C-alpha cells in the first residue's frame, strides 16, 4: 500500500507549501496529493480553498488575483514546480482540480497542457500521475484526456456512477462498510483512501488491500505500517 502526502506533510507544515512537499520527500512518502486552482492569469497553483482567509488571514478570492499578486501575499507553490519536484524525487502525483470555479473546465485544460509538456520526463522518471476531482464533469474531462483519472467520493452511492478505474474514497466509507473495497476490486477498480491519519484506520486499509492512502503524516504512517 502506497503512502501519499496530503497537501504535503500537512500535519506538520503549512498545507500545500513547498516546505510541506519537501518534508514529504524527507519523510519517505511515495507520492504527493495536491489541490489546484487557476489564478486570474491562468497560472496553476497548489491551493485548497477558494478564499485565502483560512490560511493567511487575508480575505480575497484566489481566482481574482494574478500570480504575481499572490506571490507577494500568500506565495503559493505552483503545480509545475511540484511536478518538477515529483519527477526529480520519483514521487507519484495526485492532482485534484477544485470546483466550482469561475473558469469552469479551464483548470483541467491547463493541467493537461502542462502534463503534455513534461510527458517525456514523467515517463523517464517512472512516476504515476493521477487526475482526480469531486466534480463528475471534471472527471469526464480528465478521463477523455487519456491521463489516469479518478472520481473522489464522499458518499458510497456515488461509486455506482464512477466513470473511471480509480475510486478515491473518504475513510468514513471504508470504516462503515469493509466490503466496499472488495466490491470495487471485483469491478476492476483501484481504491485510494483519504484522509487516513488514525493508526486503526491505516491498518484497516492495509488489511483490506487498498492501493494507497492519503495522509497528513507520511512518516508516522510508514512507522505504523511497519515500512522501513
C-alpha atoms as a PDB file:
ATOM      1  CA  UNK A   1       0.000   0.000   0.000  1.00  0.00           C
ATOM      2  CA  UNK A   2       1.443   3.335  -1.078  1.00  0.00           C
ATOM      3  CA  UNK A   3       1.505   6.406   1.155  1.00  0.00           C
ATOM      4  CA  UNK A   4       0.671   9.760  -0.404  1.00  0.00           C
ATOM      5  CA  UNK A   5       1.251  13.049   1.407  1.00  0.00           C
ATOM      6  CA  UNK A   6      -1.988  15.040   1.716  1.00  0.00           C
ATOM      7  CA  UNK A   7      -1.124  18.575   0.546  1.00  0.00           C
ATOM      8  CA  UNK A   8       2.407  17.595   1.511  1.00  0.00           C
ATOM      9  CA  UNK A   9       3.292  16.679   5.086  1.00  0.00           C
ATOM     10  CA  UNK A  10       0.461  18.994   6.091  1.00  0.00           C
ATOM     11  CA  UNK A  11       0.144  17.727   9.647  1.00  0.00           C
ATOM     12  CA  UNK A  12       3.416  19.460  10.478  1.00  0.00           C
ATOM     13  CA  UNK A  13       3.874  22.118   7.778  1.00  0.00           C
ATOM     14  CA  UNK A  14       1.660  24.672   6.066  1.00  0.00           C
ATOM     15  CA  UNK A  15      -0.560  22.714   3.693  1.00  0.00           C
ATOM     16  CA  UNK A  16       0.266  22.927   0.006  1.00  0.00           C
ATOM     17  CA  UNK A  17       3.516  24.774   0.626  1.00  0.00           C
ATOM     18  CA  UNK A  18       6.923  23.980  -0.804  1.00  0.00           C
ATOM     19  CA  UNK A  19       8.096  23.202   2.731  1.00  0.00           C
ATOM     20  CA  UNK A  20       5.295  20.644   3.168  1.00  0.00           C
ATOM     21  CA  UNK A  21       6.221  18.822  -0.030  1.00  0.00           C
ATOM     22  CA  UNK A  22       9.960  18.880   0.711  1.00  0.00           C
ATOM     23  CA  UNK A  23       9.152  17.414   4.129  1.00  0.00           C
ATOM     24  CA  UNK A  24       7.079  14.701   2.447  1.00  0.00           C
ATOM     25  CA  UNK A  25      10.166  13.704   0.467  1.00  0.00           C
ATOM     26  CA  UNK A  26      12.227  13.547   3.661  1.00  0.00           C
ATOM     27  CA  UNK A  27       9.521  11.516   5.381  1.00  0.00           C
ATOM     28  CA  UNK A  28       9.530   8.858   2.683  1.00  0.00           C
ATOM     29  CA  UNK A  29       6.135   9.482   1.112  1.00  0.00           C
ATOM     30  CA  UNK A  30       5.524   7.518  -2.083  1.00  0.00           C
ATOM     31  CA  UNK A  31       3.786  10.474  -3.651  1.00  0.00           C
ATOM     32  CA  UNK A  32       2.109  13.841  -3.274  1.00  0.00           C
ATOM     33  CA  UNK A  33      -1.523  14.898  -3.297  1.00  0.00           C
ATOM     34  CA  UNK A  34      -2.332  18.478  -4.215  1.00  0.00           C
ATOM     35  CA  UNK A  35      -5.378  20.674  -4.736  1.00  0.00           C
ATOM     36  CA  UNK A  36      -5.097  23.075  -7.644  1.00  0.00           C
ATOM     37  CA  UNK A  37      -6.746  26.290  -8.771  1.00  0.00           C
ATOM     38  CA  UNK A  38      -6.228  28.819 -11.528  1.00  0.00           C
ATOM     39  CA  UNK A  39      -5.132  32.366 -10.859  1.00  0.00           C
ATOM     40  CA  UNK A  40      -6.667  35.211 -12.821  1.00  0.00           C
ATOM     41  CA  UNK A  41      -3.831  34.946 -15.372  1.00  0.00           C
ATOM     42  CA  UNK A  42      -4.256  31.153 -15.657  1.00  0.00           C
ATOM     43  CA  UNK A  43      -1.306  30.028 -13.553  1.00  0.00           C
ATOM     44  CA  UNK A  44      -1.960  26.705 -11.797  1.00  0.00           C
ATOM     45  CA  UNK A  45      -1.286  26.934  -8.070  1.00  0.00           C
ATOM     46  CA  UNK A  46      -1.445  24.409  -5.254  1.00  0.00           C
ATOM     47  CA  UNK A  47      -4.157  25.859  -3.031  1.00  0.00           C
ATOM     48  CA  UNK A  48      -7.163  24.163  -1.479  1.00  0.00           C
ATOM     49  CA  UNK A  49      -9.526  26.997  -0.576  1.00  0.00           C
ATOM     50  CA  UNK A  50     -11.194  29.443  -2.935  1.00  0.00           C
ATOM     51  CA  UNK A  51     -10.528  32.208  -0.402  1.00  0.00           C
ATOM     52  CA  UNK A  52      -7.150  32.929   1.217  1.00  0.00           C
ATOM     53  CA  UNK A  53      -8.578  33.814   4.628  1.00  0.00           C
ATOM     54  CA  UNK A  54      -8.240  30.460   6.438  1.00  0.00           C
ATOM     55  CA  UNK A  55      -4.540  30.062   5.720  1.00  0.00           C
ATOM     56  CA  UNK A  56      -3.342  33.663   5.568  1.00  0.00           C
ATOM     57  CA  UNK A  57      -5.988  35.824   7.322  1.00  0.00           C
ATOM     58  CA  UNK A  58      -6.189  37.815   4.072  1.00  0.00           C
ATOM     59  CA  UNK A  59      -9.758  37.965   2.787  1.00  0.00           C
ATOM     60  CA  UNK A  60      -9.774  37.658  -1.009  1.00  0.00           C
ATOM     61  CA  UNK A  61     -10.704  35.181  -3.721  1.00  0.00           C
ATOM     62  CA  UNK A  62      -7.699  33.392  -5.194  1.00  0.00           C
ATOM     63  CA  UNK A  63      -9.244  33.405  -8.682  1.00  0.00           C
ATOM     64  CA  UNK A  64      -9.460  37.222  -8.621  1.00  0.00           C
ATOM     65  CA  UNK A  65      -5.678  37.695  -8.370  1.00  0.00           C
ATOM     66  CA  UNK A  66      -2.826  37.317 -10.852  1.00  0.00           C
ATOM     67  CA  UNK A  67       0.010  35.026  -9.813  1.00  0.00           C
ATOM     68  CA  UNK A  68       2.371  37.981  -9.320  1.00  0.00           C
ATOM     69  CA  UNK A  69      -0.070  39.492  -6.816  1.00  0.00           C
ATOM     70  CA  UNK A  70      -0.481  36.183  -4.988  1.00  0.00           C
ATOM     71  CA  UNK A  71       3.264  35.719  -4.798  1.00  0.00           C
ATOM     72  CA  UNK A  72       3.507  38.961  -2.856  1.00  0.00           C
ATOM     73  CA  UNK A  73       0.766  37.942  -0.417  1.00  0.00           C
ATOM     74  CA  UNK A  74       0.443  34.175   0.047  1.00  0.00           C
ATOM     75  CA  UNK A  75       3.308  32.947  -2.180  1.00  0.00           C
ATOM     76  CA  UNK A  76       1.612  29.758  -3.416  1.00  0.00           C
ATOM     77  CA  UNK A  77       3.555  26.782  -4.782  1.00  0.00           C
ATOM     78  CA  UNK A  78       2.857  26.311  -8.494  1.00  0.00           C
ATOM     79  CA  UNK A  79       1.854  22.966  -9.956  1.00  0.00           C
ATOM     80  CA  UNK A  80       4.721  22.999 -12.440  1.00  0.00           C
ATOM     81  CA  UNK A  81       7.143  23.381  -9.504  1.00  0.00           C
ATOM     82  CA  UNK A  82       5.526  20.475  -7.686  1.00  0.00           C
ATOM     83  CA  UNK A  83       5.593  18.352 -10.821  1.00  0.00           C
ATOM     84  CA  UNK A  84       9.308  19.024 -11.213  1.00  0.00           C
ATOM     85  CA  UNK A  85       9.839  18.051  -7.562  1.00  0.00           C
ATOM     86  CA  UNK A  86       7.867  14.830  -8.087  1.00  0.00           C
ATOM     87  CA  UNK A  87       9.870  13.926 -11.193  1.00  0.00           C
ATOM     88  CA  UNK A  88      13.203  14.706  -9.520  1.00  0.00           C
ATOM     89  CA  UNK A  89      12.403  12.592  -6.466  1.00  0.00           C
ATOM     90  CA  UNK A  90      10.392   9.914  -8.302  1.00  0.00           C
ATOM     91  CA  UNK A  91       7.176  10.560  -6.388  1.00  0.00           C
ATOM     92  CA  UNK A  92       3.702   9.840  -7.737  1.00  0.00           C
ATOM     93  CA  UNK A  93       1.412  12.835  -8.056  1.00  0.00           C
ATOM     94  CA  UNK A  94      -2.328  13.104  -7.429  1.00  0.00           C
ATOM     95  CA  UNK A  95      -3.757  16.337  -8.791  1.00  0.00           C
ATOM     96  CA  UNK A  96      -7.199  17.360  -7.553  1.00  0.00           C
ATOM     97  CA  UNK A  97      -8.885  20.114  -9.525  1.00  0.00           C
ATOM     98  CA  UNK A  98     -11.269  22.149  -7.382  1.00  0.00           C
ATOM     99  CA  UNK A  99     -14.825  23.005  -8.436  1.00  0.00           C
ATOM    100  CA  UNK A 100     -16.979  25.010  -8.802  1.00  0.00           C
ATOM    101  CA  UNK A 101     -14.678  27.747 -10.110  1.00  0.00           C
ATOM    102  CA  UNK A 102     -15.305  30.846 -12.275  1.00  0.00           C
ATOM    103  CA  UNK A 103     -13.169  29.435 -15.102  1.00  0.00           C
ATOM    104  CA  UNK A 104     -15.131  26.185 -15.353  1.00  0.00           C
ATOM    105  CA  UNK A 105     -13.241  23.434 -17.196  1.00  0.00           C
ATOM    106  CA  UNK A 106     -10.257  25.654 -17.979  1.00  0.00           C
ATOM    107  CA  UNK A 107      -8.392  24.219 -14.978  1.00  0.00           C
ATOM    108  CA  UNK A 108      -8.388  20.719 -16.478  1.00  0.00           C
ATOM    109  CA  UNK A 109      -7.344  22.118 -19.855  1.00  0.00           C
ATOM    110  CA  UNK A 110      -4.342  23.845 -18.308  1.00  0.00           C
ATOM    111  CA  UNK A 111      -3.376  20.766 -16.274  1.00  0.00           C
ATOM    112  CA  UNK A 112      -3.463  18.566 -19.372  1.00  0.00           C
ATOM    113  CA  UNK A 113      -1.399  21.148 -21.246  1.00  0.00           C
ATOM    114  CA  UNK A 114       1.246  21.225 -18.508  1.00  0.00           C
ATOM    115  CA  UNK A 115       1.476  17.436 -18.340  1.00  0.00           C
ATOM    116  CA  UNK A 116       1.916  17.261 -22.108  1.00  0.00           C
ATOM    117  CA  UNK A 117       4.986  19.497 -21.878  1.00  0.00           C
ATOM    118  CA  UNK A 118       6.517  17.207 -19.243  1.00  0.00           C
ATOM    119  CA  UNK A 119       5.461  13.852 -20.661  1.00  0.00           C
ATOM    120  CA  UNK A 120       8.956  12.634 -21.571  1.00  0.00           C
ATOM    121  CA  UNK A 121      10.297  13.483 -18.126  1.00  0.00           C
ATOM    122  CA  UNK A 122       7.306  11.836 -16.438  1.00  0.00           C
ATOM    123  CA  UNK A 123       7.770   8.634 -18.425  1.00  0.00           C
ATOM    124  CA  UNK A 124      11.519   8.559 -17.795  1.00  0.00           C
ATOM    125  CA  UNK A 125      11.051   9.024 -14.046  1.00  0.00           C
ATOM    126  CA  UNK A 126       8.547   6.162 -13.847  1.00  0.00           C
ATOM    127  CA  UNK A 127       6.118   8.093 -11.666  1.00  0.00           C
ATOM    128  CA  UNK A 128       2.358   7.836 -11.932  1.00  0.00           C
ATOM    129  CA  UNK A 129       0.214  10.937 -12.314  1.00  0.00           C
ATOM    130  CA  UNK A 130      -3.460  10.752 -11.346  1.00  0.00           C
ATOM    131  CA  UNK A 131      -6.097  13.401 -12.024  1.00  0.00           C
ATOM    132  CA  UNK A 132      -8.943  13.416  -9.512  1.00  0.00           C
ATOM    133  CA  UNK A 133     -11.963  15.565  -8.717  1.00  0.00           C
ATOM    134  CA  UNK A 134     -15.255  15.625  -6.841  1.00  0.00           C
ATOM    135  CA  UNK A 135     -16.806  17.069  -9.986  1.00  0.00           C
ATOM    136  CA  UNK A 136     -18.330  14.451 -12.267  1.00  0.00           C
ATOM    137  CA  UNK A 137     -17.903  16.681 -15.333  1.00  0.00           C
ATOM    138  CA  UNK A 138     -14.268  17.360 -14.464  1.00  0.00           C
ATOM    139  CA  UNK A 139     -13.760  13.633 -14.042  1.00  0.00           C
ATOM    140  CA  UNK A 140     -15.153  13.052 -17.528  1.00  0.00           C
ATOM    141  CA  UNK A 141     -12.817  15.714 -18.922  1.00  0.00           C
ATOM    142  CA  UNK A 142      -9.855  14.038 -17.242  1.00  0.00           C
ATOM    143  CA  UNK A 143     -10.872  10.615 -18.493  1.00  0.00           C
ATOM    144  CA  UNK A 144     -11.231  11.898 -22.048  1.00  0.00           C
ATOM    145  CA  UNK A 145      -7.732  13.373 -21.882  1.00  0.00           C
ATOM    146  CA  UNK A 146      -6.178   9.910 -21.631  1.00  0.00           C
ATOM    147  CA  UNK A 147      -4.441  10.543 -18.297  1.00  0.00           C
ATOM    148  CA  UNK A 148      -5.112   8.293 -15.321  1.00  0.00           C
ATOM    149  CA  UNK A 149      -8.234   9.686 -13.710  1.00  0.00           C
ATOM    150  CA  UNK A 150     -10.245   9.021 -10.590  1.00  0.00           C
ATOM    151  CA  UNK A 151     -13.526  10.079  -9.023  1.00  0.00           C
ATOM    152  CA  UNK A 152     -13.495  11.433  -5.472  1.00  0.00           C
ATOM    153  CA  UNK A 153     -16.273  10.008  -3.334  1.00  0.00           C
ATOM    154  CA  UNK A 154     -17.692  11.425  -0.132  1.00  0.00           C
ATOM    155  CA  UNK A 155     -20.714   9.074  -0.336  1.00  0.00           C
ATOM    156  CA  UNK A 156     -20.680   5.380  -1.175  1.00  0.00           C
ATOM    157  CA  UNK A 157     -23.628   5.585  -3.569  1.00  0.00           C
ATOM    158  CA  UNK A 158     -21.577   7.709  -5.979  1.00  0.00           C
ATOM    159  CA  UNK A 159     -19.392   4.693  -6.749  1.00  0.00           C
ATOM    160  CA  UNK A 160     -22.245   3.461  -8.938  1.00  0.00           C
ATOM    161  CA  UNK A 161     -21.667   6.259 -11.421  1.00  0.00           C
ATOM    162  CA  UNK A 162     -17.868   6.341 -11.276  1.00  0.00           C
ATOM    163  CA  UNK A 163     -16.727   6.518 -14.924  1.00  0.00           C
ATOM    164  CA  UNK A 164     -13.063   5.781 -14.127  1.00  0.00           C
ATOM    165  CA  UNK A 165     -10.916   2.872 -12.979  1.00  0.00           C
ATOM    166  CA  UNK A 166      -9.923   4.647  -9.778  1.00  0.00           C
ATOM    167  CA  UNK A 167     -12.050   5.209  -6.684  1.00  0.00           C
ATOM    168  CA  UNK A 168     -10.782   7.865  -4.268  1.00  0.00           C
ATOM    169  CA  UNK A 169     -12.952   7.301  -1.209  1.00  0.00           C
ATOM    170  CA  UNK A 170     -13.365   9.027   2.134  1.00  0.00           C
ATOM    171  CA  UNK A 171     -12.117   6.857   5.004  1.00  0.00           C
ATOM    172  CA  UNK A 172     -15.601   7.071   6.549  1.00  0.00           C
ATOM    173  CA  UNK A 173     -16.942   4.980   3.652  1.00  0.00           C
ATOM    174  CA  UNK A 174     -14.376   2.249   4.281  1.00  0.00           C
ATOM    175  CA  UNK A 175     -14.979   2.215   8.036  1.00  0.00           C
ATOM    176  CA  UNK A 176     -18.743   1.891   7.629  1.00  0.00           C
ATOM    177  CA  UNK A 177     -18.550  -0.870   5.010  1.00  0.00           C
ATOM    178  CA  UNK A 178     -15.403  -3.012   4.828  1.00  0.00           C
ATOM    179  CA  UNK A 179     -16.818  -4.861   1.817  1.00  0.00           C
ATOM    180  CA  UNK A 180     -16.702  -1.658  -0.232  1.00  0.00           C
ATOM    181  CA  UNK A 181     -13.055  -2.224  -1.139  1.00  0.00           C
ATOM    182  CA  UNK A 182     -13.672  -5.841  -2.139  1.00  0.00           C
ATOM    183  CA  UNK A 183     -16.623  -4.790  -4.283  1.00  0.00           C
ATOM    184  CA  UNK A 184     -14.592  -2.121  -6.059  1.00  0.00           C
ATOM    185  CA  UNK A 185     -11.727  -4.537  -6.672  1.00  0.00           C
ATOM    186  CA  UNK A 186     -14.171  -7.030  -8.167  1.00  0.00           C
ATOM    187  CA  UNK A 187     -15.278  -4.271 -10.533  1.00  0.00           C
ATOM    188  CA  UNK A 188     -11.691  -3.785 -11.642  1.00  0.00           C
ATOM    189  CA  UNK A 189     -11.164  -0.543  -9.730  1.00  0.00           C
ATOM    190  CA  UNK A 190      -8.159   0.710  -7.788  1.00  0.00           C
ATOM    191  CA  UNK A 191      -9.018   2.165  -4.371  1.00  0.00           C
ATOM    192  CA  UNK A 192      -7.335   5.217  -2.870  1.00  0.00           C
ATOM    193  CA  UNK A 193      -8.498   6.406   0.559  1.00  0.00           C
ATOM    194  CA  UNK A 194      -8.375   9.869   2.162  1.00  0.00           C
ATOM    195  CA  UNK A 195      -7.572  11.315   4.685  1.00  0.00           C
ATOM    196  CA  UNK A 196      -6.100   8.494   6.775  1.00  0.00           C
ATOM    197  CA  UNK A 197      -4.243   9.541   9.934  1.00  0.00           C
ATOM    198  CA  UNK A 198      -5.529   7.208  12.664  1.00  0.00           C
ATOM    199  CA  UNK A 199      -3.499   4.064  13.414  1.00  0.00           C
ATOM    200  CA  UNK A 200      -6.501   1.723  13.289  1.00  0.00           C
ATOM    201  CA  UNK A 201      -7.669   3.248  10.004  1.00  0.00           C
ATOM    202  CA  UNK A 202      -4.242   2.852   8.411  1.00  0.00           C
ATOM    203  CA  UNK A 203      -4.075  -0.805   9.425  1.00  0.00           C
ATOM    204  CA  UNK A 204      -7.648  -1.384   8.220  1.00  0.00           C
ATOM    205  CA  UNK A 205      -6.801  -0.019   4.781  1.00  0.00           C
ATOM    206  CA  UNK A 206      -3.691  -2.175   4.667  1.00  0.00           C
ATOM    207  CA  UNK A 207      -5.647  -5.295   5.650  1.00  0.00           C
ATOM    208  CA  UNK A 208      -8.322  -4.595   3.019  1.00  0.00           C
ATOM    209  CA  UNK A 209      -5.756  -4.295   0.233  1.00  0.00           C
ATOM    210  CA  UNK A 210      -6.253  -0.626  -0.524  1.00  0.00           C
ATOM    211  CA  UNK A 211      -3.816   0.562  -3.201  1.00  0.00           C
ATOM    212  CA  UNK A 212      -2.900   3.850  -1.497  1.00  0.00           C
ATOM    213  CA  UNK A 213      -3.755   6.052   1.464  1.00  0.00           C
ATOM    214  CA  UNK A 214      -3.554   9.827   1.557  1.00  0.00           C
ATOM    215  CA  UNK A 215      -2.309  11.085   4.929  1.00  0.00           C
ATOM    216  CA  UNK A 216      -1.210  14.270   6.658  1.00  0.00           C
ATOM    217  CA  UNK A 217       1.619  12.410   8.406  1.00  0.00           C
ATOM    218  CA  UNK A 218       3.652  10.294   5.953  1.00  0.00           C
ATOM    219  CA  UNK A 219       6.482   9.405   8.368  1.00  0.00           C
ATOM    220  CA  UNK A 220       4.081   8.337  11.093  1.00  0.00           C
ATOM    221  CA  UNK A 221       2.049   6.281   8.632  1.00  0.00           C
ATOM    222  CA  UNK A 222       5.189   4.469   7.476  1.00  0.00           C
ATOM    223  CA  UNK A 223       6.091   3.675  11.076  1.00  0.00           C
ATOM    224  CA  UNK A 224       2.604   2.408  11.952  1.00  0.00           C
ATOM    225  CA  UNK A 225       2.508   0.188   8.882  1.00  0.00           C
ATOM    226  CA  UNK A 226       5.951  -1.240   9.599  1.00  0.00           C
ATOM    227  CA  UNK A 227       7.636   0.152   6.500  1.00  0.00           C
ATOM    228  CA  UNK A 228      11.444   0.517   6.568  1.00  0.00           C
END
